[in-house]
C-alpha atoms as a PDB file:
ATOM      1  CA  MET A   1       0.000   0.000   0.000  1.00  0.00           C
ATOM      2  CA  SER A   2       1.384   3.411  -0.954  1.00  0.00           C
ATOM      3  CA  THR A   3       2.011   6.069   1.677  1.00  0.00           C
ATOM      4  CA  PRO A   4      -1.056   8.307   2.031  1.00  0.00           C
ATOM      5  CA  VAL A   5      -0.654  12.023   1.412  1.00  0.00           C
ATOM      6  CA  VAL A   6      -2.597  12.750   4.617  1.00  0.00           C
ATOM      7  CA  GLU A   7      -2.845  10.508   7.656  1.00  0.00           C
ATOM      8  CA  PHE A   8      -4.569  11.583  10.860  1.00  0.00           C
ATOM      9  CA  GLN A   9      -4.022   9.240  13.793  1.00  0.00           C
ATOM     10  CA  GLN A  10      -6.474  10.334  16.498  1.00  0.00           C
ATOM     11  CA  VAL A  11      -5.762  13.963  15.627  1.00  0.00           C
ATOM     12  CA  GLY A  12      -7.662  16.493  17.697  1.00  0.00           C
ATOM     13  CA  LEU A  13      -7.356  20.075  18.877  1.00  0.00           C
ATOM     14  CA  THR A  14      -8.640  21.539  22.135  1.00  0.00           C
ATOM     15  CA  TYR A  15      -8.325  25.229  22.908  1.00  0.00           C
ATOM     16  CA  PRO A  16      -7.507  25.893  26.573  1.00  0.00           C
ATOM     17  CA  GLY A  17     -10.153  27.491  28.745  1.00  0.00           C
ATOM     18  CA  PRO A  18     -11.696  28.081  30.916  1.00  0.00           C
ATOM     19  CA  PRO A  19     -13.733  26.430  29.653  1.00  0.00           C
ATOM     20  CA  ALA A  20     -11.703  24.269  27.270  1.00  0.00           C
ATOM     21  CA  VAL A  21     -13.193  23.984  23.767  1.00  0.00           C
ATOM     22  CA  SER A  22     -12.814  20.835  21.649  1.00  0.00           C
ATOM     23  CA  ALA A  23     -12.609  22.381  18.176  1.00  0.00           C
ATOM     24  CA  LEU A  24     -11.743  19.029  16.593  1.00  0.00           C
ATOM     25  CA  ARG A  25     -12.311  15.792  18.471  1.00  0.00           C
ATOM     26  CA  PRO A  26      -9.754  12.995  17.998  1.00  0.00           C
ATOM     27  CA  ALA A  27     -10.220  11.454  14.554  1.00  0.00           C
ATOM     28  CA  ASP A  28      -8.556   9.094  12.100  1.00  0.00           C
ATOM     29  CA  LEU A  29      -8.379   9.929   8.387  1.00  0.00           C
ATOM     30  CA  ARG A  30      -6.346   8.744   5.413  1.00  0.00           C
ATOM     31  CA  ILE A  31      -6.260  10.511   2.056  1.00  0.00           C
ATOM     32  CA  GLY A  32      -4.359   8.807  -0.725  1.00  0.00           C
ATOM     33  CA  GLY A  33      -2.547  10.373  -3.652  1.00  0.00           C
ATOM     34  CA  GLY A  34      -4.909  11.559  -6.386  1.00  0.00           C
ATOM     35  CA  GLU A  35      -8.032  11.595  -4.227  1.00  0.00           C
ATOM     36  CA  TYR A  36     -10.654  14.355  -4.258  1.00  0.00           C
ATOM     37  CA  VAL A  37     -12.243  14.845  -0.832  1.00  0.00           C
ATOM     38  CA  ALA A  38     -14.917  17.358   0.163  1.00  0.00           C
ATOM     39  CA  VAL A  39     -15.176  18.472   3.785  1.00  0.00           C
ATOM     40  CA  VAL A  40     -18.606  19.818   4.669  1.00  0.00           C
ATOM     41  CA  GLY A  41     -20.288  21.202   7.742  1.00  0.00           C
ATOM     42  CA  PRO A  42     -22.088  24.281   9.053  1.00  0.00           C
ATOM     43  CA  SER A  43     -20.341  27.422  10.246  1.00  0.00           C
ATOM     44  CA  GLY A  44     -18.571  26.817  13.537  1.00  0.00           C
ATOM     45  CA  SER A  45     -18.430  23.062  13.002  1.00  0.00           C
ATOM     46  CA  GLY A  46     -14.640  22.766  13.035  1.00  0.00           C
ATOM     47  CA  LYS A  47     -13.883  22.996   9.301  1.00  0.00           C
ATOM     48  CA  SER A  48     -11.418  25.851   9.753  1.00  0.00           C
ATOM     49  CA  THR A  49      -9.617  24.013  12.545  1.00  0.00           C
ATOM     50  CA  PHE A  50      -9.411  20.929  10.328  1.00  0.00           C
ATOM     51  CA  LEU A  51      -7.998  22.992   7.459  1.00  0.00           C
ATOM     52  CA  ASN A  52      -5.488  24.755   9.690  1.00  0.00           C
ATOM     53  CA  ILE A  53      -4.160  21.465  11.029  1.00  0.00           C
ATOM     54  CA  MET A  54      -3.951  19.885   7.589  1.00  0.00           C
ATOM     55  CA  GLY A  55      -2.276  23.033   6.246  1.00  0.00           C
ATOM     56  CA  LEU A  56       0.322  23.059   9.060  1.00  0.00           C
ATOM     57  CA  LEU A  57      -0.977  26.369  10.327  1.00  0.00           C
ATOM     58  CA  ASP A  58      -2.044  24.903  13.693  1.00  0.00           C
ATOM     59  CA  SER A  59      -0.664  21.928  15.599  1.00  0.00           C
ATOM     60  CA  PRO A  60      -2.994  19.292  17.046  1.00  0.00           C
ATOM     61  CA  THR A  61      -3.100  18.902  20.800  1.00  0.00           C
ATOM     62  CA  THR A  62      -3.614  15.135  20.506  1.00  0.00           C
ATOM     63  CA  GLY A  63      -2.637  12.480  17.979  1.00  0.00           C
ATOM     64  CA  ARG A  64      -0.224  12.444  15.053  1.00  0.00           C
ATOM     65  CA  TYR A  65      -0.514  14.092  11.643  1.00  0.00           C
ATOM     66  CA  LEU A  66       1.624  12.541   8.903  1.00  0.00           C
ATOM     67  CA  LEU A  67       2.015  14.470   5.642  1.00  0.00           C
ATOM     68  CA  ASP A  68       3.541  12.348   2.885  1.00  0.00           C
ATOM     69  CA  GLY A  69       4.640  10.002   5.654  1.00  0.00           C
ATOM     70  CA  LYS A  70       6.431  12.737   7.639  1.00  0.00           C
ATOM     71  CA  ASP A  71       5.435  13.087  11.289  1.00  0.00           C
ATOM     72  CA  THR A  72       4.725  16.814  11.510  1.00  0.00           C
ATOM     73  CA  ALA A  73       4.867  16.808  15.320  1.00  0.00           C
ATOM     74  CA  VAL A  74       8.665  16.435  15.331  1.00  0.00           C
ATOM     75  CA  LEU A  75       9.253  19.466  13.085  1.00  0.00           C
ATOM     76  CA  ASP A  76      10.280  22.881  14.358  1.00  0.00           C
ATOM     77  CA  ASP A  77       8.669  26.041  13.018  1.00  0.00           C
ATOM     78  CA  ALA A  78      11.210  26.479  10.213  1.00  0.00           C
ATOM     79  CA  ASP A  79      10.811  22.882   9.056  1.00  0.00           C
ATOM     80  CA  ARG A  80       7.021  23.147   9.186  1.00  0.00           C
ATOM     81  CA  ALA A  81       7.153  26.307   7.076  1.00  0.00           C
ATOM     82  CA  ALA A  82       9.459  24.609   4.573  1.00  0.00           C
ATOM     83  CA  LEU A  83       7.230  21.537   4.346  1.00  0.00           C
ATOM     84  CA  ARG A  84       4.173  23.745   3.923  1.00  0.00           C
ATOM     85  CA  GLY A  85       5.829  25.598   1.059  1.00  0.00           C
ATOM     86  CA  GLN A  86       7.048  22.439  -0.643  1.00  0.00           C
ATOM     87  CA  ARG A  87       4.050  20.133  -0.219  1.00  0.00           C
ATOM     88  CA  LEU A  88       0.926  22.276   0.122  1.00  0.00           C
ATOM     89  CA  GLY A  89      -0.998  24.614  -2.152  1.00  0.00           C
ATOM     90  CA  PHE A  90      -3.729  26.875  -0.770  1.00  0.00           C
ATOM     91  CA  VAL A  91      -6.750  28.359  -2.554  1.00  0.00           C
ATOM     92  CA  PHE A  92      -9.027  30.635  -0.534  1.00  0.00           C
ATOM     93  CA  GLN A  93     -12.389  32.313  -1.038  1.00  0.00           C
ATOM     94  CA  GLY A  94     -10.560  35.633  -1.245  1.00  0.00           C
ATOM     95  CA  PHE A  95      -7.991  35.624  -4.025  1.00  0.00           C
ATOM     96  CA  HIS A  96      -5.181  37.338  -2.043  1.00  0.00           C
ATOM     97  CA  LEU A  97      -3.385  38.621  -5.153  1.00  0.00           C
ATOM     98  CA  LEU A  98      -0.932  41.522  -4.998  1.00  0.00           C
ATOM     99  CA  PRO A  99      -2.675  44.381  -6.830  1.00  0.00           C
ATOM    100  CA  HIS A 100       0.455  45.968  -8.302  1.00  0.00           C
ATOM    101  CA  ARG A 101       1.847  42.715  -9.739  1.00  0.00           C
ATOM    102  CA  ASP A 102       0.619  41.118 -12.952  1.00  0.00           C
ATOM    103  CA  ALA A 103      -0.628  37.532 -13.142  1.00  0.00           C
ATOM    104  CA  THR A 104       2.793  36.096 -13.944  1.00  0.00           C
ATOM    105  CA  GLU A 105       4.470  37.942 -11.088  1.00  0.00           C
ATOM    106  CA  ASN A 106       1.770  36.905  -8.594  1.00  0.00           C
ATOM    107  CA  VAL A 107       2.374  33.256  -9.434  1.00  0.00           C
ATOM    108  CA  ALA A 108       6.164  33.518  -9.698  1.00  0.00           C
ATOM    109  CA  LEU A 109       6.424  35.004  -6.207  1.00  0.00           C
ATOM    110  CA  ALA A 110       5.442  31.608  -4.795  1.00  0.00           C
ATOM    111  CA  LEU A 111       8.753  30.301  -6.176  1.00  0.00           C
ATOM    112  CA  LEU A 112      10.866  32.994  -4.569  1.00  0.00           C
ATOM    113  CA  TYR A 113      12.402  30.697  -1.957  1.00  0.00           C
ATOM    114  CA  THR A 114      13.040  27.699  -4.206  1.00  0.00           C
ATOM    115  CA  GLY A 115      16.453  28.888  -5.301  1.00  0.00           C
ATOM    116  CA  SER A 116      15.548  29.168  -8.985  1.00  0.00           C
ATOM    117  CA  ASP A 117      16.452  32.358 -10.832  1.00  0.00           C
ATOM    118  CA  ARG A 118      13.944  34.958 -11.980  1.00  0.00           C
ATOM    119  CA  ARG A 119      13.841  33.721 -15.571  1.00  0.00           C
ATOM    120  CA  ARG A 120      12.999  30.178 -14.511  1.00  0.00           C
ATOM    121  CA  ARG A 121      10.419  31.380 -11.986  1.00  0.00           C
ATOM    122  CA  ARG A 122       8.637  33.406 -14.654  1.00  0.00           C
ATOM    123  CA  ALA A 123       8.798  30.558 -17.164  1.00  0.00           C
ATOM    124  CA  ARG A 124       7.256  28.144 -14.660  1.00  0.00           C
ATOM    125  CA  ALA A 125       4.586  30.710 -13.714  1.00  0.00           C
ATOM    126  CA  ARG A 126       3.637  31.191 -17.354  1.00  0.00           C
ATOM    127  CA  GLU A 127       3.490  27.443 -17.877  1.00  0.00           C
ATOM    128  CA  VAL A 128       1.043  26.958 -14.996  1.00  0.00           C
ATOM    129  CA  LEU A 129      -1.042  29.968 -15.999  1.00  0.00           C
ATOM    130  CA  GLY A 130      -1.387  28.372 -19.409  1.00  0.00           C
ATOM    131  CA  ARG A 131      -2.528  25.174 -17.740  1.00  0.00           C
ATOM    132  CA  VAL A 132      -5.381  27.023 -15.998  1.00  0.00           C
ATOM    133  CA  GLY A 133      -6.440  28.726 -19.215  1.00  0.00           C
ATOM    134  CA  LEU A 134      -4.812  32.132 -18.771  1.00  0.00           C
ATOM    135  CA  SER A 135      -2.068  32.137 -21.385  1.00  0.00           C
ATOM    136  CA  HIS A 136      -3.712  35.267 -22.835  1.00  0.00           C
ATOM    137  CA  ARG A 137      -3.648  37.145 -19.481  1.00  0.00           C
ATOM    138  CA  LEU A 138      -0.039  36.651 -18.390  1.00  0.00           C
ATOM    139  CA  ASP A 139       0.800  40.344 -18.118  1.00  0.00           C
ATOM    140  CA  THR A 140      -2.562  41.531 -16.785  1.00  0.00           C
ATOM    141  CA  ALA A 141      -2.977  43.147 -13.370  1.00  0.00           C
ATOM    142  CA  PRO A 142      -5.582  41.661 -10.982  1.00  0.00           C
ATOM    143  CA  SER A 143      -7.753  44.790 -11.240  1.00  0.00           C
ATOM    144  CA  ARG A 144      -8.294  44.005 -14.936  1.00  0.00           C
ATOM    145  CA  LEU A 145      -9.197  40.353 -14.354  1.00  0.00           C
ATOM    146  CA  SER A 146     -12.647  38.952 -13.704  1.00  0.00           C
ATOM    147  CA  GLY A 147     -13.378  37.136 -10.456  1.00  0.00           C
ATOM    148  CA  GLY A 148     -13.024  33.791 -12.172  1.00  0.00           C
ATOM    149  CA  GLU A 149      -9.728  34.794 -13.749  1.00  0.00           C
ATOM    150  CA  ARG A 150      -8.385  35.992 -10.403  1.00  0.00           C
ATOM    151  CA  GLN A 151      -9.286  32.660  -8.834  1.00  0.00           C
ATOM    152  CA  ARG A 152      -7.505  30.880 -11.696  1.00  0.00           C
ATOM    153  CA  VAL A 153      -4.394  32.939 -10.952  1.00  0.00           C
ATOM    154  CA  ALA A 154      -4.721  31.926  -7.299  1.00  0.00           C
ATOM    155  CA  ILE A 155      -4.999  28.263  -8.308  1.00  0.00           C
ATOM    156  CA  ALA A 156      -1.948  28.603 -10.560  1.00  0.00           C
ATOM    157  CA  ARG A 157      -0.020  30.129  -7.658  1.00  0.00           C
ATOM    158  CA  ALA A 158      -1.064  27.191  -5.456  1.00  0.00           C
ATOM    159  CA  MET A 159       0.022  24.668  -8.117  1.00  0.00           C
ATOM    160  CA  VAL A 160       3.311  26.235  -9.183  1.00  0.00           C
ATOM    161  CA  ASN A 161       5.424  24.270  -6.651  1.00  0.00           C
ATOM    162  CA  HIS A 162       3.983  20.859  -7.660  1.00  0.00           C
ATOM    163  CA  PRO A 163       2.259  20.390  -4.273  1.00  0.00           C
ATOM    164  CA  SER A 164       1.314  16.981  -2.912  1.00  0.00           C
ATOM    165  CA  LEU A 165      -1.964  18.430  -1.677  1.00  0.00           C
ATOM    166  CA  LEU A 166      -4.199  21.261  -2.884  1.00  0.00           C
ATOM    167  CA  LEU A 167      -6.284  22.714  -0.034  1.00  0.00           C
ATOM    168  CA  CYS A 168      -9.279  24.743  -1.196  1.00  0.00           C
ATOM    169  CA  ASP A 169     -11.283  26.764   1.328  1.00  0.00           C
ATOM    170  CA  GLU A 170     -14.658  27.789  -0.170  1.00  0.00           C
ATOM    171  CA  PRO A 171     -12.928  28.573  -3.503  1.00  0.00           C
ATOM    172  CA  THR A 172     -16.203  29.488  -5.247  1.00  0.00           C
ATOM    173  CA  GLY A 173     -17.712  31.523  -2.412  1.00  0.00           C
ATOM    174  CA  ASN A 174     -17.142  34.899  -4.112  1.00  0.00           C
ATOM    175  CA  LEU A 175     -18.158  33.788  -7.620  1.00  0.00           C
ATOM    176  CA  ASP A 176     -21.387  33.687  -9.588  1.00  0.00           C
ATOM    177  CA  SER A 177     -22.796  30.258 -10.404  1.00  0.00           C
ATOM    178  CA  ALA A 178     -21.454  30.055 -13.965  1.00  0.00           C
ATOM    179  CA  THR A 179     -17.962  31.148 -12.934  1.00  0.00           C
ATOM    180  CA  ALA A 180     -18.071  28.797  -9.954  1.00  0.00           C
ATOM    181  CA  ARG A 181     -18.802  25.885 -12.271  1.00  0.00           C
ATOM    182  CA  SER A 182     -15.788  26.779 -14.407  1.00  0.00           C
ATOM    183  CA  ILE A 183     -13.529  26.807 -11.331  1.00  0.00           C
ATOM    184  CA  LEU A 184     -14.911  23.459 -10.181  1.00  0.00           C
ATOM    185  CA  ASP A 185     -14.354  22.098 -13.695  1.00  0.00           C
ATOM    186  CA  LEU A 186     -10.734  23.222 -13.403  1.00  0.00           C
ATOM    187  CA  LEU A 187     -10.341  21.459 -10.053  1.00  0.00           C
ATOM    188  CA  ASP A 188     -11.806  18.335 -11.676  1.00  0.00           C
ATOM    189  CA  GLU A 189      -9.186  18.579 -14.434  1.00  0.00           C
ATOM    190  CA  LEU A 190      -6.341  19.058 -11.958  1.00  0.00           C
ATOM    191  CA  ASN A 191      -7.533  16.085  -9.950  1.00  0.00           C
ATOM    192  CA  ALA A 192      -7.847  13.964 -13.100  1.00  0.00           C
ATOM    193  CA  GLY A 193      -4.209  14.859 -13.759  1.00  0.00           C
ATOM    194  CA  GLY A 194      -3.161  13.406 -10.403  1.00  0.00           C
ATOM    195  CA  THR A 195      -3.456  16.343  -7.989  1.00  0.00           C
ATOM    196  CA  THR A 196      -4.811  15.443  -4.551  1.00  0.00           C
ATOM    197  CA  VAL A 197      -7.596  17.888  -3.682  1.00  0.00           C
ATOM    198  CA  VAL A 198      -9.266  18.608  -0.342  1.00  0.00           C
ATOM    199  CA  LEU A 199     -12.108  21.093  -0.679  1.00  0.00           C
ATOM    200  CA  ILE A 200     -13.787  22.778   2.291  1.00  0.00           C
ATOM    201  CA  THR A 201     -17.359  23.818   1.545  1.00  0.00           C
ATOM    202  CA  HIS A 202     -20.793  24.325   3.044  1.00  0.00           C
ATOM    203  CA  SER A 203     -22.458  23.635  -0.315  1.00  0.00           C
ATOM    204  CA  ALA A 204     -23.837  20.174  -1.075  1.00  0.00           C
ATOM    205  CA  ASP A 205     -23.674  20.930  -4.809  1.00  0.00           C
ATOM    206  CA  VAL A 206     -19.971  21.761  -4.599  1.00  0.00           C
ATOM    207  CA  ALA A 207     -19.295  18.706  -2.429  1.00  0.00           C
ATOM    208  CA  ASP A 208     -20.946  16.484  -5.032  1.00  0.00           C
ATOM    209  CA  ARG A 209     -17.953  17.098  -7.299  1.00  0.00           C
ATOM    210  CA  ALA A 210     -15.705  15.141  -4.922  1.00  0.00           C
ATOM    211  CA  ARG A 211     -15.323  11.373  -4.789  1.00  0.00           C
ATOM    212  CA  ARG A 212     -15.428  11.272  -1.002  1.00  0.00           C
ATOM    213  CA  THR A 213     -17.203  13.433   1.526  1.00  0.00           C
ATOM    214  CA  VAL A 214     -16.223  14.002   5.145  1.00  0.00           C
ATOM    215  CA  THR A 215     -18.630  15.798   7.455  1.00  0.00           C
ATOM    216  CA  ILE A 216     -17.601  17.841  10.490  1.00  0.00           C
ATOM    217  CA  ARG A 217     -20.255  18.776  13.029  1.00  0.00           C
ATOM    218  CA  ASP A 218     -19.527  20.017  16.540  1.00  0.00           C
ATOM    219  CA  GLY A 219     -15.896  19.034  16.033  1.00  0.00           C
ATOM    220  CA  VAL A 220     -16.712  15.429  15.154  1.00  0.00           C
ATOM    221  CA  LEU A 221     -15.344  14.167  11.842  1.00  0.00           C
ATOM    222  CA  THR A 222     -17.399  11.484  10.058  1.00  0.00           C
ATOM    223  CA  GLU A 223     -16.903   9.792   6.687  1.00  0.00           C
ATOM    224  CA  THR A 224     -20.235  10.132   4.892  1.00  0.00           C
ATOM    225  CA  ALA A 225     -19.535   8.849   1.379  1.00  0.00           C
ATOM    226  CA  GLY A 226     -17.020   6.729  -0.477  1.00  0.00           C
ATOM    227  CA  VAL A 227     -14.241   4.635   0.945  1.00  0.00           C
ATOM    228  CA  THR A 228     -10.781   5.404   2.150  1.00  0.00           C
ATOM    229  CA  SER A 229      -8.039   4.416  -0.256  1.00  0.00           C
END
């Protein structure tokens, strides 16, 4: 059996009190390479805590989180930051693009700490922008892009480092329905190409795009569809 991209072994997070709050109750979860998993639940259910742990932004207070087989608990802050930059791509509801940088520069900045020179960074950025359908908008500033185009730039930025895992937090929340469908189609294409996708959403229609669904309610994680690889 291949090493899963994500493995939670009784991972949980409790915020100290008083009173103490169990934001995520101890849970097991395995996500294999190339899977597409939706994580659903109402506001305040623990989805953000789940995302922050998986994205190495927060550390669990119980259990072990293995990312690509690496025990993240033994890493110091610098190593966690390096692993996050090398293995994870993030796509948020807000696009978080730098307004005074064009599309290519916004994507290339994600490669700044890889050691590659500026020419190679820009070439890689242009390659990934082409992959998300923006080869005609390489030199365009975010203010001149549509919402869907800005989200495609954000996805390209998340993909530019060849991440093991693409974490998407309500990526269609700021988009109209037609544009949202185009972004979800793009995520489908990336997943079909081998990218592991975890998508946080409150929308059942968006979750239906995934092959597995995990529900979080009151901090309790439950597998609600599909099987673990």
